[in-house]
PDB file of N, CA and C in Angstrom:
ATOM      1  N   MET A   1    -179.842  48.872  91.077  1.00  0.00           N
ATOM      2  CA  MET A   1    -179.885  47.518  90.093  1.00  0.00           C
ATOM      3  C   MET A   1    -179.421  46.564  90.926  1.00  0.00           C
ATOM      4  N   VAL A   2    -178.394  46.897  91.299  1.00  0.00           N
ATOM      5  CA  VAL A   2    -177.193  45.564  92.163  1.00  0.00           C
ATOM      6  C   VAL A   2    -177.966  44.945  93.329  1.00  0.00           C
ATOM      7  N   LYS A   3    -178.313  46.119  94.460  1.00  0.00           N
ATOM      8  CA  LYS A   3    -179.025  46.029  94.770  1.00  0.00           C
ATOM      9  C   LYS A   3    -180.321  44.913  94.790  1.00  0.00           C
ATOM     10  N   GLN A   4    -180.972  45.325  93.947  1.00  0.00           N
ATOM     11  CA  GLN A   4    -182.368  44.802  93.406  1.00  0.00           C
ATOM     12  C   GLN A   4    -181.717  42.732  92.999  1.00  0.00           C
ATOM     13  N   LEU A   5    -181.008  42.899  92.490  1.00  0.00           N
ATOM     14  CA  LEU A   5    -180.817  41.177  91.722  1.00  0.00           C
ATOM     15  C   LEU A   5    -179.656  40.331  93.059  1.00  0.00           C
ATOM     16  N   ASP A   6    -179.320  41.332  94.228  1.00  0.00           N
ATOM     17  CA  ASP A   6    -179.318  41.198  95.378  1.00  0.00           C
ATOM     18  C   ASP A   6    -180.229  40.350  96.737  1.00  0.00           C
ATOM     19  N   LYS A   7    -180.955  41.148  96.794  1.00  0.00           N
ATOM     20  CA  LYS A   7    -182.511  41.254  97.091  1.00  0.00           C
ATOM     21  C   LYS A   7    -183.070  39.199  96.807  1.00  0.00           C
ATOM     22  N   LYS A   8    -183.782  39.741  94.944  1.00  0.00           N
ATOM     23  CA  LYS A   8    -183.930  38.510  94.582  1.00  0.00           C
ATOM     24  C   LYS A   8    -182.947  37.187  94.910  1.00  0.00           C
ATOM     25  N   ILE A   9    -181.254  36.798  94.602  1.00  0.00           N
ATOM     26  CA  ILE A   9    -180.523  35.986  95.129  1.00  0.00           C
ATOM     27  C   ILE A   9    -181.070  35.597  96.611  1.00  0.00           C
ATOM     28  N   LYS A  10    -180.900  37.215  97.110  1.00  0.00           N
ATOM     29  CA  LYS A  10    -181.392  36.243  99.013  1.00  0.00           C
ATOM     30  C   LYS A  10    -182.637  36.202  99.151  1.00  0.00           C
ATOM     31  N   ARG A  11    -183.635  36.388  98.092  1.00  0.00           N
ATOM     32  CA  ARG A  11    -184.983  35.631  98.521  1.00  0.00           C
ATOM     33  C   ARG A  11    -185.230  34.383  97.663  1.00  0.00           C
ATOM     34  N   GLY A  12    -184.751  34.236  96.968  1.00  0.00           N
ATOM     35  CA  GLY A  12    -184.324  32.591  96.536  1.00  0.00           C
ATOM     36  C   GLY A  12    -185.174  32.347  95.135  1.00  0.00           C
ATOM     37  N   HIS A  13    -185.452  33.540  94.476  1.00  0.00           N
ATOM     38  CA  HIS A  13    -186.431  33.615  93.409  1.00  0.00           C
ATOM     39  C   HIS A  13    -185.141  32.597  91.906  1.00  0.00           C
ATOM     40  N   TYR A  14    -183.846  32.931  91.813  1.00  0.00           N
ATOM     41  CA  TYR A  14    -182.949  32.174  91.693  1.00  0.00           C
ATOM     42  C   TYR A  14    -182.373  29.997  91.674  1.00  0.00           C
ATOM     43  N   PHE A  15    -183.105  30.704  93.363  1.00  0.00           N
ATOM     44  CA  PHE A  15    -183.192  28.897  93.667  1.00  0.00           C
ATOM     45  C   PHE A  15    -184.216  27.895  93.185  1.00  0.00           C
ATOM     46  N   ILE A  16    -185.607  28.986  93.740  1.00  0.00           N
ATOM     47  CA  ILE A  16    -186.748  28.600  92.450  1.00  0.00           C
ATOM     48  C   ILE A  16    -186.368  27.704  90.735  1.00  0.00           C
ATOM     49  N   GLY A  17    -186.633  28.114  89.915  1.00  0.00           N
ATOM     50  CA  GLY A  17    -185.795  28.407  89.244  1.00  0.00           C
ATOM     51  C   GLY A  17    -184.650  27.230  88.850  1.00  0.00           C
ATOM     52  N   VAL A  18    -183.568  26.699  89.558  1.00  0.00           N
ATOM     53  CA  VAL A  18    -183.064  25.960  89.552  1.00  0.00           C
ATOM     54  C   VAL A  18    -183.710  24.860  89.905  1.00  0.00           C
ATOM     55  N   LEU A  19    -184.444  24.804  90.940  1.00  0.00           N
ATOM     56  CA  LEU A  19    -185.296  23.707  91.359  1.00  0.00           C
ATOM     57  C   LEU A  19    -185.820  23.061  90.289  1.00  0.00           C
ATOM     58  N   ILE A  20    -186.585  24.472  90.098  1.00  0.00           N
ATOM     59  CA  ILE A  20    -187.799  23.989  88.543  1.00  0.00           C
ATOM     60  C   ILE A  20    -187.040  23.661  87.406  1.00  0.00           C
ATOM     61  N   LEU A  21    -185.885  23.681  87.246  1.00  0.00           N
ATOM     62  CA  LEU A  21    -184.749  23.404  85.781  1.00  0.00           C
ATOM     63  C   LEU A  21    -184.761  21.731  85.722  1.00  0.00           C
ATOM     64  N   SER A  22    -184.867  21.714  87.393  1.00  0.00           N
ATOM     65  CA  SER A  22    -183.826  20.050  87.791  1.00  0.00           C
ATOM     66  C   SER A  22    -185.091  19.046  87.837  1.00  0.00           C
ATOM     67  N   SER A  23    -186.150  20.053  88.264  1.00  0.00           N
ATOM     68  CA  SER A  23    -187.323  18.462  88.279  1.00  0.00           C
ATOM     69  C   SER A  23    -187.717  18.573  86.799  1.00  0.00           C
ATOM     70  N   VAL A  24    -187.319  19.816  85.702  1.00  0.00           N
ATOM     71  CA  VAL A  24    -188.004  19.506  84.733  1.00  0.00           C
ATOM     72  C   VAL A  24    -187.169  17.913  84.137  1.00  0.00           C
ATOM     73  N   PHE A  25    -186.171  18.494  84.346  1.00  0.00           N
ATOM     74  CA  PHE A  25    -185.020  17.449  83.800  1.00  0.00           C
ATOM     75  C   PHE A  25    -184.719  15.953  84.611  1.00  0.00           C
ATOM     76  N   ILE A  26    -185.056  16.322  85.649  1.00  0.00           N
ATOM     77  CA  ILE A  26    -186.185  14.343  86.428  1.00  0.00           C
ATOM     78  C   ILE A  26    -187.117  13.914  85.257  1.00  0.00           C
ATOM     79  N   ALA A  27    -188.131  14.858  85.047  1.00  0.00           N
ATOM     80  CA  ALA A  27    -189.143  14.632  84.370  1.00  0.00           C
ATOM     81  C   ALA A  27    -189.259  14.184  82.886  1.00  0.00           C
ATOM     82  N   LEU A  28    -188.437  14.930  82.693  1.00  0.00           N
ATOM     83  CA  LEU A  28    -187.767  14.042  81.123  1.00  0.00           C
ATOM     84  C   LEU A  28    -186.909  12.481  81.268  1.00  0.00           C
ATOM     85  N   THR A  29    -186.119  12.436  82.145  1.00  0.00           N
ATOM     86  CA  THR A  29    -186.129  11.362  82.864  1.00  0.00           C
ATOM     87  C   THR A  29    -186.253  10.580  82.916  1.00  0.00           C
ATOM     88  N   LEU A  30    -187.175  10.122  82.963  1.00  0.00           N
ATOM     89  CA  LEU A  30    -188.602   9.565  83.754  1.00  0.00           C
ATOM     90  C   LEU A  30    -189.126   9.379  82.880  1.00  0.00           C
ATOM     91  N   PHE A  31    -189.702  10.320  81.950  1.00  0.00           N
ATOM     92  CA  PHE A  31    -189.958   9.358  80.430  1.00  0.00           C
ATOM     93  C   PHE A  31    -189.434   9.124  79.351  1.00  0.00           C
ATOM     94  N   TYR A  32    -188.299   9.304  79.444  1.00  0.00           N
ATOM     95  CA  TYR A  32    -187.482   8.539  78.816  1.00  0.00           C
ATOM     96  C   TYR A  32    -187.178   6.612  79.059  1.00  0.00           C
ATOM     97  N   PHE A  33    -187.011   6.628  80.104  1.00  0.00           N
ATOM     98  CA  PHE A  33    -187.273   5.726  81.232  1.00  0.00           C
ATOM     99  C   PHE A  33    -188.202   4.578  80.997  1.00  0.00           C
ATOM    100  N   ILE A  34    -190.063   5.804  80.915  1.00  0.00           N
ATOM    101  CA  ILE A  34    -190.445   4.611  80.437  1.00  0.00           C
ATOM    102  C   ILE A  34    -191.273   4.649  79.887  1.00  0.00           C
ATOM    103  N   SER A  35    -190.867   5.089  78.265  1.00  0.00           N
ATOM    104  CA  SER A  35    -191.022   4.323  77.165  1.00  0.00           C
ATOM    105  C   SER A  35    -189.998   5.029  76.100  1.00  0.00           C
ATOM    106  N   PRO A  36    -188.881   4.702  76.330  1.00  0.00           N
ATOM    107  CA  PRO A  36    -188.229   4.806  75.595  1.00  0.00           C
ATOM    108  C   PRO A  36    -188.180   5.048  74.303  1.00  0.00           C
ATOM    109  N   GLY A  37    -187.393   5.483  73.009  1.00  0.00           N
ATOM    110  CA  GLY A  37    -187.653   5.550  71.307  1.00  0.00           C
ATOM    111  C   GLY A  37    -187.108   6.726  71.175  1.00  0.00           C
ATOM    112  N   GLU A  38    -187.745   7.043  69.354  1.00  0.00           N
ATOM    113  CA  GLU A  38    -186.580   8.516  69.580  1.00  0.00           C
ATOM    114  C   GLU A  38    -186.994   9.928  69.769  1.00  0.00           C
ATOM    115  N   LEU A  39    -188.224   9.780  69.875  1.00  0.00           N
ATOM    116  CA  LEU A  39    -189.134  11.389  70.510  1.00  0.00           C
ATOM    117  C   LEU A  39    -188.997  11.180  72.274  1.00  0.00           C
ATOM    118  N   SER A  40    -188.361   9.967  73.341  1.00  0.00           N
ATOM    119  CA  SER A  40    -188.565  10.416  74.483  1.00  0.00           C
ATOM    120  C   SER A  40    -186.454  11.278  74.878  1.00  0.00           C
ATOM    121  N   ALA A  41    -186.382  10.529  73.565  1.00  0.00           N
ATOM    122  CA  ALA A  41    -184.252  10.928  73.988  1.00  0.00           C
ATOM    123  C   ALA A  41    -184.064  11.900  73.236  1.00  0.00           C
ATOM    124  N   THR A  42    -184.380  12.532  72.428  1.00  0.00           N
ATOM    125  CA  THR A  42    -184.904  14.110  71.481  1.00  0.00           C
ATOM    126  C   THR A  42    -184.976  14.600  72.743  1.00  0.00           C
ATOM    127  N   LEU A  43    -186.095  14.373  72.902  1.00  0.00           N
ATOM    128  CA  LEU A  43    -186.976  15.632  73.823  1.00  0.00           C
ATOM    129  C   LEU A  43    -185.675  15.582  75.267  1.00  0.00           C
ATOM    130  N   LEU A  44    -185.476  14.672  75.955  1.00  0.00           N
ATOM    131  CA  LEU A  44    -184.076  14.314  77.430  1.00  0.00           C
ATOM    132  C   LEU A  44    -182.952  15.027  76.844  1.00  0.00           C
ATOM    133  N   PHE A  45    -182.391  14.915  75.045  1.00  0.00           N
ATOM    134  CA  PHE A  45    -181.077  15.562  74.546  1.00  0.00           C
ATOM    135  C   PHE A  45    -181.447  17.530  74.052  1.00  0.00           C
ATOM    136  N   PHE A  46    -182.160  17.837  73.897  1.00  0.00           N
ATOM    137  CA  PHE A  46    -182.624  18.842  73.978  1.00  0.00           C
ATOM    138  C   PHE A  46    -182.841  19.391  75.411  1.00  0.00           C
ATOM    139  N   GLY A  47    -183.551  19.085  75.801  1.00  0.00           N
ATOM    140  CA  GLY A  47    -184.320  19.880  77.068  1.00  0.00           C
ATOM    141  C   GLY A  47    -182.630  19.639  78.353  1.00  0.00           C
ATOM    142  N   THR A  48    -182.074  18.915  77.629  1.00  0.00           N
ATOM    143  CA  THR A  48    -180.779  18.584  78.688  1.00  0.00           C
ATOM    144  C   THR A  48    -179.994  19.925  78.350  1.00  0.00           C
ATOM    145  N   ILE A  49    -180.517  20.868  76.856  1.00  0.00           N
ATOM    146  CA  ILE A  49    -179.006  21.459  76.570  1.00  0.00           C
ATOM    147  C   ILE A  49    -179.640  23.111  76.706  1.00  0.00           C
ATOM    148  N   ILE A  50    -180.555  22.833  77.330  1.00  0.00           N
ATOM    149  CA  ILE A  50    -181.826  24.032  77.351  1.00  0.00           C
ATOM    150  C   ILE A  50    -181.014  24.139  78.655  1.00  0.00           C
ATOM    151  N   ILE A  51    -181.299  23.495  79.597  1.00  0.00           N
ATOM    152  CA  ILE A  51    -181.392  23.187  80.999  1.00  0.00           C
ATOM    153  C   ILE A  51    -179.733  23.179  81.600  1.00  0.00           C
ATOM    154  N   VAL A  52    -179.361  22.931  80.897  1.00  0.00           N
ATOM    155  CA  VAL A  52    -177.368  23.566  80.903  1.00  0.00           C
ATOM    156  C   VAL A  52    -177.423  24.941  81.057  1.00  0.00           C
ATOM    157  N   PHE A  53    -178.069  25.839  79.764  1.00  0.00           N
ATOM    158  CA  PHE A  53    -177.745  26.083  79.056  1.00  0.00           C
ATOM    159  C   PHE A  53    -177.633  28.124  79.906  1.00  0.00           C
ATOM    160  N   LEU A  54    -179.381  27.068  80.908  1.00  0.00           N
ATOM    161  CA  LEU A  54    -180.066  27.646  81.486  1.00  0.00           C
ATOM    162  C   LEU A  54    -179.583  28.972  82.814  1.00  0.00           C
ATOM    163  N   LEU A  55    -178.473  27.089  83.418  1.00  0.00           N
ATOM    164  CA  LEU A  55    -178.142  27.193  84.734  1.00  0.00           C
ATOM    165  C   LEU A  55    -176.677  28.097  84.352  1.00  0.00           C
ATOM    166  N   ALA A  56    -176.021  27.623  83.132  1.00  0.00           N
ATOM    167  CA  ALA A  56    -175.533  28.874  82.900  1.00  0.00           C
ATOM    168  C   ALA A  56    -174.856  30.427  83.412  1.00  0.00           C
ATOM    169  N   LEU A  57    -176.070  30.424  82.393  1.00  0.00           N
ATOM    170  CA  LEU A  57    -176.896  31.903  82.145  1.00  0.00           C
ATOM    171  C   LEU A  57    -176.270  31.983  84.072  1.00  0.00           C
ATOM    172  N   LEU A  58    -178.198  31.453  84.552  1.00  0.00           N
ATOM    173  CA  LEU A  58    -178.221  31.317  86.068  1.00  0.00           C
ATOM    174  C   LEU A  58    -176.405  32.122  86.896  1.00  0.00           C
ATOM    175  N   LEU A  59    -175.934  31.307  86.461  1.00  0.00           N
ATOM    176  CA  LEU A  59    -174.572  31.543  87.911  1.00  0.00           C
ATOM    177  C   LEU A  59    -173.888  32.231  87.142  1.00  0.00           C
ATOM    178  N   ILE A  60    -173.525  32.702  85.691  1.00  0.00           N
ATOM    179  CA  ILE A  60    -172.964  34.311  84.956  1.00  0.00           C
ATOM    180  C   ILE A  60    -173.930  35.474  85.558  1.00  0.00           C
ATOM    181  N   LEU A  61    -174.809  35.353  85.690  1.00  0.00           N
ATOM    182  CA  LEU A  61    -175.383  36.462  86.549  1.00  0.00           C
ATOM    183  C   LEU A  61    -175.439  36.244  87.684  1.00  0.00           C
ATOM    184  N   MET A  62    -175.162  36.094  89.019  1.00  0.00           N
ATOM    185  CA  MET A  62    -175.182  35.501  89.597  1.00  0.00           C
ATOM    186  C   MET A  62    -173.925  36.476  90.205  1.00  0.00           C
ATOM    187  N   GLY A  63    -172.648  35.726  89.107  1.00  0.00           N
ATOM    188  CA  GLY A  63    -171.512  36.164  89.377  1.00  0.00           C
ATOM    189  C   GLY A  63    -171.115  37.642  89.052  1.00  0.00           C
ATOM    190  N   ILE A  64    -172.043  38.678  88.733  1.00  0.00           N
ATOM    191  CA  ILE A  64    -171.753  39.331  87.586  1.00  0.00           C
ATOM    192  C   ILE A  64    -172.554  40.538  89.244  1.00  0.00           C
ATOM    193  N   THR A  65    -173.446  39.828  89.382  1.00  0.00           N
ATOM    194  CA  THR A  65    -173.963  40.388  90.360  1.00  0.00           C
ATOM    195  C   THR A  65    -173.374  40.300  91.486  1.00  0.00           C
ATOM    196  N   SER A  66    -172.243  39.525  92.411  1.00  0.00           N
ATOM    197  CA  SER A  66    -171.212  39.655  93.665  1.00  0.00           C
ATOM    198  C   SER A  66    -170.400  40.861  92.580  1.00  0.00           C
ATOM    199  N   ILE A  67    -169.541  40.303  91.878  1.00  0.00           N
ATOM    200  CA  ILE A  67    -168.947  41.112  91.049  1.00  0.00           C
ATOM    201  C   ILE A  67    -169.278  42.901  91.741  1.00  0.00           C
ATOM    202  N   LEU A  68    -170.445  43.223  90.817  1.00  0.00           N
ATOM    203  CA  LEU A  68    -170.746  44.425  90.983  1.00  0.00           C
ATOM    204  C   LEU A  68    -170.965  44.865  92.229  1.00  0.00           C
ATOM    205  N   LYS A  69    -171.782  44.354  93.060  1.00  0.00           N
ATOM    206  CA  LYS A  69    -171.664  44.257  94.509  1.00  0.00           C
ATOM    207  C   LYS A  69    -170.383  44.930  94.904  1.00  0.00           C
ATOM    208  N   THR A  70    -169.077  44.256  94.906  1.00  0.00           N
ATOM    209  CA  THR A  70    -167.383  44.000  95.706  1.00  0.00           C
ATOM    210  C   THR A  70    -167.318  45.656  95.029  1.00  0.00           C
ATOM    211  N   LEU A  71    -167.677  45.739  93.639  1.00  0.00           N
ATOM    212  CA  LEU A  71    -166.702  47.019  92.983  1.00  0.00           C
ATOM    213  C   LEU A  71    -167.843  48.067  93.923  1.00  0.00           C
ATOM    214  N   GLN A  72    -169.459  47.869  93.848  1.00  0.00           N
ATOM    215  CA  GLN A  72    -170.425  49.424  94.363  1.00  0.00           C
ATOM    216  C   GLN A  72    -169.773  49.211  96.340  1.00  0.00           C
ATOM    217  N   ASP A  73    -169.006  48.114  96.531  1.00  0.00           N
ATOM    218  CA  ASP A  73    -169.472  48.753  98.816  1.00  0.00           C
ATOM    219  C   ASP A  73    -167.444  49.241  98.302  1.00  0.00           C
ATOM    220  N   ASN A  74    -166.782  48.521  97.708  1.00  0.00           N
ATOM    221  CA  ASN A  74    -165.331  49.294  97.727  1.00  0.00           C
ATOM    222  C   ASN A  74    -165.728  50.517  97.325  1.00  0.00           C
ATOM    223  N   HIS A  75    -166.660  50.979  96.551  1.00  0.00           N
ATOM    224  CA  HIS A  75    -166.760  52.209  96.272  1.00  0.00           C
ATOM    225  C   HIS A  75    -166.876  53.904  96.781  1.00  0.00           C
TER     226      HIS A  75
END
């Protein structure tokens, strides 16, 4: 399992996910600047919260895989 996750990280699947999340954030920000209002502000706020949560989850997953790989290499 650790080797599969490590291969996915090396192939760049997670970085593509980060790129997609960043582009969604940029799109929401541009939408807010084009038409400021309650709807766009709410979308930007909740979109930012979701993106930050997903990025934190991604960092935790990458940290766990590196820790598990280190433990597996030591044994």
